[in-house]
């Protein structure tokens, strides 16, 4: 998939990133949504980099004149924001690769359909990187855990799975569903605010009854 962002702010963002680092990837839900609909407008952008993320994010923000915030200095996650005065703000979160490689970062994600990355070649072309079978699951309409560890690592993912079912009108993989049932009691370990946010997101989906 050769994605060329239509909004000039996003094109400028990609150009600034390419000027600051040789290795960066668009990851997560934005890649999933672009595969499902290449013309989908993307406003919430998650980028991972192989170098110190806070420093890169600050330099990119300075280049563009965007606002900069350090979200988590320990885990090296920063946010930069741009408001064109007409639409909702464009939000870009920049984080350091988990495990220091793209491979390990994708394996640490929640579901295969979110464990996709979009990379840029030297010529500026894009390519989707899929090591977990996410493209096949998108085509089949399946929400599937990346691994058994995926759900055990973060209890909020037990709610996130049925939310994606309702959001995308997909079905839940049988093994993923069985593990959610087994781990259901662990949801009380998740923060109340995170649970609330997932429930609100679920209610805002086209068919919340599916969840």
N, C-alpha and C. Protein backbone atom coordinates (compact mmCIF):
# COMPACT_ATOMS: atom_id res chain seq x y z
N UNK A 1 0.85 -1.19 0.00
CA UNK A 1 0.00 0.00 0.00
C UNK A 1 0.88 1.24 0.00
N UNK A 2 0.68 2.08 -0.99
CA UNK A 2 1.47 3.32 -1.07
C UNK A 2 0.60 4.47 -0.58
N UNK A 3 0.71 4.79 0.71
CA UNK A 3 -0.11 5.83 1.31
C UNK A 3 0.58 7.18 1.19
N UNK A 4 -0.11 8.13 0.62
CA UNK A 4 0.37 9.50 0.54
C UNK A 4 -0.65 10.39 1.25
N UNK A 5 -0.34 10.90 2.44
CA UNK A 5 -1.31 11.69 3.19
C UNK A 5 -1.76 12.91 2.41
N UNK A 6 -3.08 13.17 2.50
CA UNK A 6 -3.65 14.27 1.74
C UNK A 6 -3.50 15.62 2.44
N UNK A 7 -3.62 15.62 3.76
CA UNK A 7 -3.56 16.90 4.47
C UNK A 7 -2.12 17.39 4.51
N UNK A 8 -1.88 18.65 4.17
CA UNK A 8 -0.51 19.17 4.15
C UNK A 8 0.20 19.07 5.49
N UNK A 9 -0.55 19.17 6.60
CA UNK A 9 0.09 19.07 7.93
C UNK A 9 0.69 17.70 8.15
N UNK A 10 0.00 16.66 7.68
CA UNK A 10 0.51 15.30 7.84
C UNK A 10 1.70 15.08 6.92
N UNK A 11 1.66 15.63 5.72
CA UNK A 11 2.82 15.52 4.82
C UNK A 11 4.03 16.22 5.43
N UNK A 12 3.80 17.37 6.04
CA UNK A 12 4.90 18.09 6.69
C UNK A 12 5.45 17.30 7.88
N UNK A 13 4.55 16.65 8.61
CA UNK A 13 4.98 15.82 9.74
C UNK A 13 5.90 14.70 9.28
N UNK A 14 5.49 13.99 8.23
CA UNK A 14 6.30 12.88 7.71
C UNK A 14 7.65 13.41 7.22
N UNK A 15 7.64 14.54 6.54
CA UNK A 15 8.87 15.13 6.04
C UNK A 15 9.81 15.49 7.19
N UNK A 16 9.26 16.07 8.27
CA UNK A 16 10.08 16.44 9.43
C UNK A 16 10.65 15.21 10.12
N UNK A 17 9.87 14.16 10.21
CA UNK A 17 10.36 12.92 10.80
C UNK A 17 11.51 12.34 9.98
N UNK A 18 11.36 12.35 8.67
CA UNK A 18 12.41 11.81 7.81
C UNK A 18 13.69 12.62 7.92
N UNK A 19 13.55 13.92 8.22
CA UNK A 19 14.73 14.78 8.38
C UNK A 19 15.44 14.52 9.70
N UNK A 20 14.71 14.00 10.71
CA UNK A 20 15.27 13.85 12.04
C UNK A 20 15.74 12.43 12.37
N UNK A 21 15.23 11.42 11.67
CA UNK A 21 15.61 10.05 12.00
C UNK A 21 15.52 9.16 10.77
N UNK A 22 16.35 8.15 10.73
CA UNK A 22 16.36 7.23 9.60
C UNK A 22 15.39 6.08 9.78
N UNK A 23 14.88 5.90 11.00
CA UNK A 23 14.00 4.76 11.25
C UNK A 23 12.80 5.21 12.08
N UNK A 24 11.66 5.26 11.44
CA UNK A 24 10.41 5.54 12.15
C UNK A 24 9.28 4.82 11.42
N UNK A 25 8.22 4.51 12.17
CA UNK A 25 7.11 3.74 11.62
C UNK A 25 5.79 4.29 12.16
N UNK A 26 4.80 4.32 11.29
CA UNK A 26 3.42 4.54 11.72
C UNK A 26 2.89 3.19 12.19
N UNK A 27 2.28 3.15 13.37
CA UNK A 27 1.85 1.87 13.94
C UNK A 27 0.42 1.98 14.46
N UNK A 28 -0.13 0.79 14.81
CA UNK A 28 -1.40 0.75 15.53
C UNK A 28 -2.63 0.97 14.68
N UNK A 29 -3.63 1.61 15.31
CA UNK A 29 -4.94 1.75 14.70
C UNK A 29 -4.96 2.53 13.41
N UNK A 30 -4.05 3.49 13.27
CA UNK A 30 -4.02 4.27 12.03
C UNK A 30 -3.71 3.38 10.83
N UNK A 31 -2.77 2.45 11.00
CA UNK A 31 -2.42 1.54 9.90
C UNK A 31 -3.61 0.63 9.61
N UNK A 32 -4.22 0.10 10.66
CA UNK A 32 -5.42 -0.75 10.50
C UNK A 32 -6.49 -0.03 9.69
N UNK A 33 -6.78 1.22 10.06
CA UNK A 33 -7.84 1.97 9.40
C UNK A 33 -7.48 2.30 7.96
N UNK A 34 -6.20 2.56 7.69
CA UNK A 34 -5.78 2.85 6.32
C UNK A 34 -5.90 1.62 5.44
N UNK A 35 -5.60 0.44 5.99
CA UNK A 35 -5.76 -0.79 5.22
C UNK A 35 -7.23 -1.02 4.90
N UNK A 36 -8.10 -0.76 5.88
CA UNK A 36 -9.54 -0.95 5.67
C UNK A 36 -10.10 0.08 4.69
N UNK A 37 -9.57 1.30 4.76
CA UNK A 37 -10.05 2.35 3.86
C UNK A 37 -8.93 3.32 3.57
N UNK A 38 -8.23 3.16 2.45
CA UNK A 38 -7.05 4.00 2.16
C UNK A 38 -7.31 5.49 2.17
N UNK A 39 -8.57 5.90 1.99
CA UNK A 39 -8.88 7.33 1.98
C UNK A 39 -9.33 7.84 3.35
N UNK A 40 -9.21 6.98 4.37
CA UNK A 40 -9.62 7.37 5.72
C UNK A 40 -8.78 8.55 6.20
N UNK A 41 -9.42 9.64 6.65
CA UNK A 41 -8.63 10.75 7.21
C UNK A 41 -8.02 10.35 8.55
N UNK A 42 -6.73 10.53 8.69
CA UNK A 42 -6.01 10.14 9.90
C UNK A 42 -5.64 11.38 10.69
N UNK A 43 -6.11 11.45 11.95
CA UNK A 43 -5.79 12.59 12.79
C UNK A 43 -5.05 12.19 14.06
N UNK A 44 -5.25 10.95 14.51
CA UNK A 44 -4.52 10.45 15.67
C UNK A 44 -3.44 9.50 15.17
N UNK A 45 -2.19 9.93 15.31
CA UNK A 45 -1.07 9.23 14.69
C UNK A 45 -0.13 8.71 15.78
N UNK A 46 0.22 7.44 15.68
CA UNK A 46 1.19 6.84 16.59
C UNK A 46 2.44 6.49 15.79
N UNK A 47 3.55 7.06 16.21
CA UNK A 47 4.84 6.82 15.56
C UNK A 47 5.79 6.18 16.56
N UNK A 48 6.55 5.18 16.11
CA UNK A 48 7.63 4.63 16.94
C UNK A 48 8.95 4.90 16.24
N UNK A 49 9.96 5.16 17.05
CA UNK A 49 11.30 5.47 16.54
C UNK A 49 12.32 4.60 17.27
N UNK A 50 13.48 4.43 16.65
CA UNK A 50 14.51 3.58 17.24
C UNK A 50 15.46 4.38 18.12
N UNK A 51 15.34 5.71 18.11
CA UNK A 51 16.22 6.57 18.88
C UNK A 51 15.45 7.20 20.05
N UNK A 52 16.12 7.96 20.93
CA UNK A 52 15.40 8.61 22.03
C UNK A 52 14.21 9.43 21.54
N UNK A 53 13.02 9.03 21.95
CA UNK A 53 11.79 9.57 21.37
C UNK A 53 11.51 11.00 21.79
N UNK A 54 11.81 11.34 23.04
CA UNK A 54 11.49 12.69 23.50
C UNK A 54 12.28 13.74 22.73
N UNK A 55 13.55 13.45 22.50
CA UNK A 55 14.39 14.40 21.78
C UNK A 55 13.93 14.56 20.34
N UNK A 56 13.59 13.44 19.69
CA UNK A 56 13.12 13.51 18.31
C UNK A 56 11.80 14.27 18.22
N UNK A 57 10.89 13.97 19.15
CA UNK A 57 9.59 14.64 19.13
C UNK A 57 9.75 16.15 19.31
N UNK A 58 10.63 16.54 20.21
CA UNK A 58 10.83 17.98 20.43
C UNK A 58 11.41 18.65 19.18
N UNK A 59 12.37 17.99 18.54
CA UNK A 59 12.97 18.58 17.33
C UNK A 59 11.95 18.67 16.20
N UNK A 60 11.12 17.63 16.06
CA UNK A 60 10.08 17.64 15.03
C UNK A 60 9.08 18.76 15.31
N UNK A 61 8.67 18.90 16.57
CA UNK A 61 7.73 19.95 16.94
C UNK A 61 8.32 21.33 16.66
N UNK A 62 9.60 21.51 16.95
CA UNK A 62 10.26 22.79 16.69
C UNK A 62 10.30 23.09 15.19
N UNK A 63 10.57 22.06 14.39
CA UNK A 63 10.61 22.25 12.95
C UNK A 63 9.25 22.72 12.41
N UNK A 64 8.19 22.14 12.98
CA UNK A 64 6.85 22.37 12.45
C UNK A 64 6.12 23.52 13.14
N UNK A 65 6.61 23.90 14.33
CA UNK A 65 5.87 24.89 15.10
C UNK A 65 4.67 24.30 15.80
N UNK A 66 4.71 22.99 16.06
CA UNK A 66 3.62 22.31 16.76
C UNK A 66 3.88 22.37 18.27
N UNK A 67 2.83 22.16 19.05
CA UNK A 67 2.98 22.08 20.51
C UNK A 67 3.59 20.74 20.89
N UNK A 68 4.38 20.74 21.97
CA UNK A 68 5.09 19.53 22.42
C UNK A 68 4.77 19.26 23.89
N UNK A 69 4.51 17.98 24.22
CA UNK A 69 4.29 17.57 25.61
C UNK A 69 5.00 16.24 25.83
N UNK A 70 5.66 16.10 26.97
CA UNK A 70 6.24 14.82 27.36
C UNK A 70 5.18 14.06 28.14
N UNK A 71 4.64 13.00 27.56
CA UNK A 71 3.58 12.23 28.22
C UNK A 71 4.13 11.28 29.28
N UNK A 72 5.25 10.64 28.97
CA UNK A 72 5.82 9.65 29.89
C UNK A 72 7.33 9.62 29.65
N UNK A 73 8.06 10.30 30.52
CA UNK A 73 9.51 10.39 30.33
C UNK A 73 10.19 9.05 30.56
N UNK A 74 9.65 8.24 31.47
CA UNK A 74 10.27 6.94 31.76
C UNK A 74 10.18 6.01 30.56
N UNK A 75 9.01 5.95 29.95
CA UNK A 75 8.81 5.07 28.80
C UNK A 75 9.09 5.77 27.47
N UNK A 76 9.51 7.03 27.55
CA UNK A 76 9.86 7.81 26.36
C UNK A 76 8.69 7.91 25.38
N UNK A 77 7.64 8.60 25.83
CA UNK A 77 6.48 8.86 24.98
C UNK A 77 6.19 10.35 25.01
N UNK A 78 6.12 10.95 23.84
CA UNK A 78 5.83 12.39 23.73
C UNK A 78 4.65 12.60 22.80
N UNK A 79 4.03 13.76 22.92
CA UNK A 79 2.90 14.11 22.05
C UNK A 79 3.15 15.47 21.44
N UNK A 80 2.89 15.57 20.14
CA UNK A 80 2.93 16.87 19.49
C UNK A 80 1.56 17.11 18.84
N UNK A 81 1.14 18.37 18.81
CA UNK A 81 -0.21 18.72 18.39
C UNK A 81 -0.21 19.88 17.40
N UNK A 82 -1.14 19.81 16.47
CA UNK A 82 -1.33 20.89 15.51
C UNK A 82 -2.82 21.13 15.32
N UNK A 83 -3.23 22.38 15.34
CA UNK A 83 -4.62 22.73 15.11
C UNK A 83 -4.68 23.68 13.92
N UNK A 84 -5.40 23.25 12.87
CA UNK A 84 -5.48 24.10 11.68
C UNK A 84 -6.59 25.14 11.77
N UNK A 85 -7.29 25.16 12.92
CA UNK A 85 -8.33 26.16 13.12
C UNK A 85 -9.66 25.80 12.49
N UNK A 86 -9.71 24.67 11.77
CA UNK A 86 -10.94 24.27 11.09
C UNK A 86 -11.46 22.92 11.57
N UNK A 87 -10.54 22.02 11.88
CA UNK A 87 -10.92 20.67 12.27
C UNK A 87 -10.39 20.38 13.66
N UNK A 88 -10.69 19.19 14.15
CA UNK A 88 -10.13 18.76 15.43
C UNK A 88 -8.62 18.71 15.32
N UNK A 89 -7.90 18.91 16.43
CA UNK A 89 -6.43 18.93 16.38
C UNK A 89 -5.85 17.62 15.83
N UNK A 90 -4.74 17.74 15.13
CA UNK A 90 -3.99 16.57 14.71
C UNK A 90 -3.05 16.21 15.85
N UNK A 91 -3.12 14.96 16.29
CA UNK A 91 -2.37 14.50 17.46
C UNK A 91 -1.39 13.42 17.01
N UNK A 92 -0.13 13.59 17.34
CA UNK A 92 0.89 12.60 17.01
C UNK A 92 1.63 12.21 18.28
N UNK A 93 1.54 10.94 18.66
CA UNK A 93 2.31 10.41 19.77
C UNK A 93 3.55 9.72 19.22
N UNK A 94 4.70 10.07 19.77
CA UNK A 94 5.97 9.50 19.32
C UNK A 94 6.59 8.76 20.49
N UNK A 95 6.88 7.49 20.30
CA UNK A 95 7.41 6.63 21.36
C UNK A 95 8.61 5.86 20.86
N UNK A 96 9.44 5.45 21.80
CA UNK A 96 10.58 4.60 21.44
C UNK A 96 10.10 3.16 21.27
N UNK A 97 10.69 2.45 20.35
CA UNK A 97 10.35 1.06 20.11
C UNK A 97 10.42 0.25 21.41
N UNK A 98 9.40 -0.56 21.65
CA UNK A 98 9.43 -1.47 22.79
C UNK A 98 10.32 -2.66 22.44
N UNK A 99 11.33 -2.90 23.23
CA UNK A 99 12.25 -3.98 22.94
C UNK A 99 13.33 -3.62 21.93
N UNK A 100 13.35 -2.36 21.49
CA UNK A 100 14.41 -1.81 20.64
C UNK A 100 14.37 -2.27 19.18
N UNK A 101 13.45 -3.15 18.80
CA UNK A 101 13.30 -3.51 17.39
C UNK A 101 11.83 -3.45 17.02
N UNK A 102 11.55 -3.23 15.75
CA UNK A 102 10.15 -3.19 15.32
C UNK A 102 9.49 -4.54 15.56
N UNK A 103 10.23 -5.62 15.34
CA UNK A 103 9.70 -6.97 15.52
C UNK A 103 9.20 -7.15 16.95
N UNK A 104 10.02 -6.80 17.93
CA UNK A 104 9.63 -6.97 19.33
C UNK A 104 8.50 -6.01 19.71
N UNK A 105 8.50 -4.82 19.12
CA UNK A 105 7.43 -3.85 19.40
C UNK A 105 6.08 -4.39 18.93
N UNK A 106 6.02 -4.93 17.73
CA UNK A 106 4.76 -5.45 17.21
C UNK A 106 4.28 -6.66 18.00
N UNK A 107 5.20 -7.50 18.43
CA UNK A 107 4.83 -8.69 19.22
C UNK A 107 4.28 -8.31 20.59
N UNK A 108 4.59 -7.10 21.06
CA UNK A 108 4.11 -6.65 22.37
C UNK A 108 2.74 -5.98 22.29
N UNK A 109 2.15 -5.88 21.10
CA UNK A 109 0.88 -5.20 20.95
C UNK A 109 -0.30 -6.12 21.26
N UNK A 110 -1.50 -5.54 21.27
CA UNK A 110 -2.65 -6.30 21.78
C UNK A 110 -3.23 -7.30 20.79
N UNK A 111 -3.65 -6.83 19.61
CA UNK A 111 -4.34 -7.69 18.66
C UNK A 111 -3.65 -7.62 17.30
N UNK A 112 -3.76 -8.68 16.54
CA UNK A 112 -3.03 -8.76 15.27
C UNK A 112 -3.40 -7.62 14.34
N UNK A 113 -4.66 -7.18 14.37
CA UNK A 113 -5.08 -6.11 13.47
C UNK A 113 -4.49 -4.76 13.86
N UNK A 114 -3.95 -4.68 15.08
CA UNK A 114 -3.27 -3.47 15.52
C UNK A 114 -1.75 -3.62 15.49
N UNK A 115 -1.27 -4.82 15.21
CA UNK A 115 0.17 -5.08 15.19
C UNK A 115 0.71 -4.94 13.77
N UNK A 116 0.36 -3.83 13.15
CA UNK A 116 0.80 -3.52 11.80
C UNK A 116 1.62 -2.24 11.85
N UNK A 117 2.58 -2.14 10.96
CA UNK A 117 3.40 -0.94 10.88
C UNK A 117 3.49 -0.49 9.42
N UNK A 118 3.63 0.81 9.25
CA UNK A 118 3.84 1.37 7.93
C UNK A 118 5.21 2.03 7.92
N UNK A 119 6.07 1.56 7.03
CA UNK A 119 7.42 2.10 6.94
C UNK A 119 7.63 2.87 5.65
N UNK A 120 8.66 3.72 5.65
CA UNK A 120 8.98 4.54 4.47
C UNK A 120 10.31 4.09 3.88
N UNK A 121 10.34 3.91 2.58
CA UNK A 121 11.58 3.58 1.89
C UNK A 121 12.35 4.87 1.63
N UNK A 122 13.58 4.74 1.16
CA UNK A 122 14.40 5.92 0.88
C UNK A 122 13.78 6.81 -0.18
N UNK A 123 13.00 6.20 -1.07
CA UNK A 123 12.37 6.97 -2.15
C UNK A 123 11.07 7.63 -1.70
N UNK A 124 10.65 7.35 -0.44
CA UNK A 124 9.43 7.96 0.06
C UNK A 124 8.19 7.10 -0.10
N UNK A 125 8.36 5.89 -0.68
CA UNK A 125 7.24 4.98 -0.81
C UNK A 125 6.96 4.31 0.55
N UNK A 126 5.74 3.83 0.71
CA UNK A 126 5.37 3.18 1.97
C UNK A 126 5.14 1.69 1.76
N UNK A 127 5.34 0.94 2.84
CA UNK A 127 5.08 -0.50 2.80
C UNK A 127 4.54 -0.93 4.15
N UNK A 128 3.54 -1.83 4.13
CA UNK A 128 2.96 -2.35 5.36
C UNK A 128 3.80 -3.52 5.84
N UNK A 129 4.15 -3.50 7.12
CA UNK A 129 4.93 -4.57 7.74
C UNK A 129 4.00 -5.35 8.66
N UNK A 130 3.88 -6.65 8.40
CA UNK A 130 2.92 -7.49 9.11
C UNK A 130 3.61 -8.80 9.48
N UNK A 131 3.91 -8.98 10.78
CA UNK A 131 4.56 -10.21 11.22
C UNK A 131 3.63 -11.10 12.05
N UNK A 132 2.40 -10.62 12.29
CA UNK A 132 1.48 -11.34 13.17
C UNK A 132 0.22 -11.83 12.46
N UNK A 133 0.15 -11.66 11.16
CA UNK A 133 -1.04 -12.09 10.42
C UNK A 133 -2.19 -11.11 10.50
N UNK A 134 -1.89 -9.85 10.77
CA UNK A 134 -2.94 -8.85 10.91
C UNK A 134 -3.70 -8.58 9.62
N UNK A 135 -3.01 -8.59 8.49
CA UNK A 135 -3.69 -8.32 7.21
C UNK A 135 -4.71 -9.41 6.91
N UNK A 136 -4.35 -10.66 7.18
CA UNK A 136 -5.30 -11.76 6.96
C UNK A 136 -6.50 -11.65 7.88
N UNK A 137 -6.26 -11.26 9.14
CA UNK A 137 -7.37 -11.12 10.08
C UNK A 137 -8.26 -9.93 9.72
N UNK A 138 -7.68 -8.86 9.17
CA UNK A 138 -8.50 -7.75 8.69
C UNK A 138 -9.40 -8.19 7.54
N UNK A 139 -8.84 -8.98 6.65
CA UNK A 139 -9.62 -9.46 5.52
C UNK A 139 -10.73 -10.41 5.98
N UNK A 140 -10.43 -11.21 7.02
CA UNK A 140 -11.41 -12.18 7.52
C UNK A 140 -12.38 -11.57 8.52
N UNK A 141 -12.07 -10.37 9.01
CA UNK A 141 -12.94 -9.72 9.99
C UNK A 141 -12.85 -10.36 11.36
N UNK A 142 -11.62 -10.60 11.83
CA UNK A 142 -11.39 -11.30 13.10
C UNK A 142 -10.57 -10.44 14.04
N UNK A 143 -10.99 -10.39 15.31
CA UNK A 143 -10.18 -9.78 16.36
C UNK A 143 -9.49 -10.91 17.10
N UNK A 144 -8.16 -10.95 16.99
CA UNK A 144 -7.38 -12.04 17.54
C UNK A 144 -6.20 -11.50 18.36
N UNK A 145 -5.94 -12.07 19.53
CA UNK A 145 -4.79 -11.67 20.33
C UNK A 145 -3.50 -11.94 19.56
N UNK A 146 -2.47 -11.14 19.82
CA UNK A 146 -1.17 -11.42 19.22
C UNK A 146 -0.59 -12.70 19.81
N UNK A 147 -0.71 -12.87 21.13
CA UNK A 147 -0.25 -14.07 21.81
C UNK A 147 -1.00 -14.17 23.13
N UNK A 148 -0.92 -15.31 23.84
CA UNK A 148 -1.58 -15.40 25.15
C UNK A 148 -1.09 -14.35 26.14
N UNK A 149 0.15 -13.90 25.96
CA UNK A 149 0.71 -12.89 26.86
C UNK A 149 0.02 -11.54 26.65
N UNK A 150 -0.49 -11.30 25.44
CA UNK A 150 -1.07 -10.00 25.11
C UNK A 150 -2.17 -9.60 26.08
N UNK A 151 -3.07 -10.52 26.39
CA UNK A 151 -4.18 -10.21 27.28
C UNK A 151 -3.75 -10.22 28.74
N UNK A 152 -2.78 -11.06 29.08
CA UNK A 152 -2.31 -11.13 30.46
C UNK A 152 -1.51 -9.89 30.85
N UNK A 153 -0.90 -9.24 29.87
CA UNK A 153 -0.06 -8.07 30.15
C UNK A 153 -0.85 -6.84 30.57
N UNK A 154 -2.07 -6.72 30.09
CA UNK A 154 -2.85 -5.50 30.36
C UNK A 154 -4.33 -5.87 30.40
N UNK A 155 -4.92 -5.82 31.58
CA UNK A 155 -6.31 -6.27 31.76
C UNK A 155 -7.30 -5.45 30.94
N UNK A 156 -6.97 -4.20 30.64
CA UNK A 156 -7.93 -3.36 29.90
C UNK A 156 -8.17 -3.92 28.50
N UNK A 157 -7.27 -4.75 28.02
CA UNK A 157 -7.45 -5.34 26.71
C UNK A 157 -8.61 -6.32 26.68
N UNK A 158 -9.04 -6.79 27.85
CA UNK A 158 -10.21 -7.67 27.93
C UNK A 158 -11.47 -6.92 27.49
N UNK A 159 -11.52 -5.63 27.74
CA UNK A 159 -12.63 -4.80 27.27
C UNK A 159 -12.40 -4.29 25.86
N UNK A 160 -11.14 -4.09 25.52
CA UNK A 160 -10.82 -3.53 24.22
C UNK A 160 -11.20 -4.48 23.08
N UNK A 161 -11.07 -5.79 23.31
CA UNK A 161 -11.38 -6.77 22.27
C UNK A 161 -12.84 -6.69 21.84
N UNK A 162 -13.81 -6.78 22.77
CA UNK A 162 -15.21 -6.65 22.32
C UNK A 162 -15.53 -5.26 21.78
N UNK A 163 -14.80 -4.23 22.23
CA UNK A 163 -15.02 -2.91 21.66
C UNK A 163 -14.67 -2.88 20.18
N UNK A 164 -13.55 -3.53 19.81
CA UNK A 164 -13.19 -3.58 18.40
C UNK A 164 -14.19 -4.40 17.60
N UNK A 165 -14.76 -5.44 18.22
CA UNK A 165 -15.81 -6.21 17.54
C UNK A 165 -16.96 -5.30 17.17
N UNK A 166 -17.38 -4.44 18.11
CA UNK A 166 -18.49 -3.53 17.86
C UNK A 166 -18.10 -2.40 16.91
N UNK A 167 -16.88 -1.92 17.04
CA UNK A 167 -16.43 -0.79 16.23
C UNK A 167 -16.28 -1.17 14.77
N UNK A 168 -15.74 -2.37 14.52
CA UNK A 168 -15.41 -2.78 13.16
C UNK A 168 -16.41 -3.77 12.58
N UNK A 169 -17.39 -4.21 13.41
CA UNK A 169 -18.33 -5.24 13.01
C UNK A 169 -17.60 -6.54 12.65
N UNK A 170 -16.60 -6.88 13.47
CA UNK A 170 -15.82 -8.10 13.31
C UNK A 170 -16.35 -9.17 14.26
N UNK A 171 -15.71 -10.33 14.24
CA UNK A 171 -16.02 -11.38 15.21
C UNK A 171 -14.79 -11.66 16.05
N UNK A 172 -15.01 -12.23 17.23
CA UNK A 172 -13.92 -12.51 18.15
C UNK A 172 -13.39 -13.91 17.93
N UNK A 173 -12.10 -14.02 17.79
CA UNK A 173 -11.44 -15.32 17.68
C UNK A 173 -11.77 -16.18 18.90
N UNK A 174 -12.01 -17.47 18.69
CA UNK A 174 -12.47 -18.35 19.77
C UNK A 174 -11.47 -18.46 20.92
N UNK A 175 -10.18 -18.61 20.60
CA UNK A 175 -9.17 -18.73 21.66
C UNK A 175 -9.03 -17.42 22.43
N UNK A 176 -9.16 -16.31 21.72
CA UNK A 176 -9.10 -15.00 22.38
C UNK A 176 -10.29 -14.85 23.32
N UNK A 177 -11.46 -15.22 22.87
CA UNK A 177 -12.66 -15.12 23.70
C UNK A 177 -12.54 -16.00 24.94
N UNK A 178 -12.04 -17.22 24.77
CA UNK A 178 -11.90 -18.14 25.91
C UNK A 178 -10.95 -17.58 26.95
N UNK A 179 -9.85 -16.96 26.51
CA UNK A 179 -8.90 -16.39 27.47
C UNK A 179 -9.50 -15.18 28.17
N UNK A 180 -10.28 -14.39 27.47
CA UNK A 180 -10.94 -13.25 28.10
C UNK A 180 -11.83 -13.73 29.24
N UNK A 181 -12.57 -14.79 29.00
CA UNK A 181 -13.44 -15.34 30.05
C UNK A 181 -12.61 -15.81 31.23
N UNK A 182 -11.49 -16.48 30.95
CA UNK A 182 -10.65 -17.00 32.04
C UNK A 182 -10.05 -15.87 32.87
N UNK A 183 -9.70 -14.76 32.21
CA UNK A 183 -9.02 -13.67 32.89
C UNK A 183 -9.96 -12.58 33.38
N UNK A 184 -11.26 -12.78 33.24
CA UNK A 184 -12.22 -11.71 33.50
C UNK A 184 -12.03 -11.04 34.85
N UNK A 185 -11.75 -11.81 35.89
CA UNK A 185 -11.61 -11.23 37.23
C UNK A 185 -10.42 -10.27 37.33
N UNK A 186 -9.45 -10.42 36.45
CA UNK A 186 -8.28 -9.55 36.52
C UNK A 186 -8.60 -8.13 36.07
N UNK A 187 -9.78 -7.92 35.50
CA UNK A 187 -10.16 -6.58 35.05
C UNK A 187 -10.21 -5.60 36.22
N UNK A 188 -10.46 -6.11 37.42
CA UNK A 188 -10.50 -5.23 38.59
C UNK A 188 -9.12 -4.63 38.90
N UNK A 189 -8.08 -5.15 38.27
CA UNK A 189 -6.74 -4.60 38.46
C UNK A 189 -6.51 -3.36 37.59
N UNK A 190 -7.35 -3.17 36.59
CA UNK A 190 -7.20 -2.01 35.71
C UNK A 190 -7.76 -0.76 36.40
N UNK A 191 -7.21 0.39 36.07
CA UNK A 191 -7.66 1.64 36.67
C UNK A 191 -9.10 1.96 36.27
N UNK A 192 -9.84 2.54 37.19
CA UNK A 192 -11.24 2.86 36.94
C UNK A 192 -11.39 3.81 35.75
N UNK A 193 -10.45 4.76 35.61
CA UNK A 193 -10.54 5.71 34.51
C UNK A 193 -10.38 5.02 33.16
N UNK A 194 -9.48 4.06 33.11
CA UNK A 194 -9.26 3.34 31.85
C UNK A 194 -10.48 2.49 31.50
N UNK A 195 -11.08 1.87 32.51
CA UNK A 195 -12.30 1.09 32.27
C UNK A 195 -13.42 1.99 31.76
N UNK A 196 -13.58 3.13 32.41
CA UNK A 196 -14.60 4.10 31.99
C UNK A 196 -14.39 4.51 30.54
N UNK A 197 -13.14 4.82 30.17
CA UNK A 197 -12.86 5.28 28.81
C UNK A 197 -13.20 4.21 27.79
N UNK A 198 -12.86 2.94 28.09
CA UNK A 198 -13.18 1.86 27.15
C UNK A 198 -14.68 1.69 27.01
N UNK A 199 -15.40 1.79 28.12
CA UNK A 199 -16.86 1.64 28.05
C UNK A 199 -17.48 2.77 27.23
N UNK A 200 -17.00 4.01 27.42
CA UNK A 200 -17.52 5.12 26.63
C UNK A 200 -17.22 4.91 25.15
N UNK A 201 -16.01 4.45 24.83
CA UNK A 201 -15.66 4.20 23.43
C UNK A 201 -16.56 3.11 22.84
N UNK A 202 -16.87 2.11 23.66
CA UNK A 202 -17.74 1.02 23.19
C UNK A 202 -19.15 1.55 22.90
N UNK A 203 -19.67 2.39 23.80
CA UNK A 203 -21.01 2.94 23.60
C UNK A 203 -21.08 3.85 22.37
N UNK A 204 -19.94 4.40 21.99
CA UNK A 204 -19.91 5.29 20.83
C UNK A 204 -19.75 4.56 19.50
N UNK A 205 -19.62 3.23 19.54
CA UNK A 205 -19.46 2.46 18.31
C UNK A 205 -20.82 2.33 17.61
N UNK A 206 -20.80 1.98 16.32
CA UNK A 206 -22.06 1.84 15.58
C UNK A 206 -23.00 0.79 16.15
N UNK A 207 -22.43 -0.31 16.69
CA UNK A 207 -23.27 -1.40 17.19
C UNK A 207 -22.75 -1.89 18.54
N UNK A 208 -22.94 -1.08 19.60
CA UNK A 208 -22.40 -1.47 20.91
C UNK A 208 -22.99 -2.77 21.45
N UNK A 209 -24.18 -3.15 20.96
CA UNK A 209 -24.78 -4.39 21.44
C UNK A 209 -23.89 -5.60 21.12
N UNK A 210 -23.09 -5.51 20.08
CA UNK A 210 -22.18 -6.62 19.74
C UNK A 210 -21.17 -6.85 20.87
N UNK A 211 -20.76 -5.77 21.51
CA UNK A 211 -19.78 -5.90 22.58
C UNK A 211 -20.43 -6.48 23.84
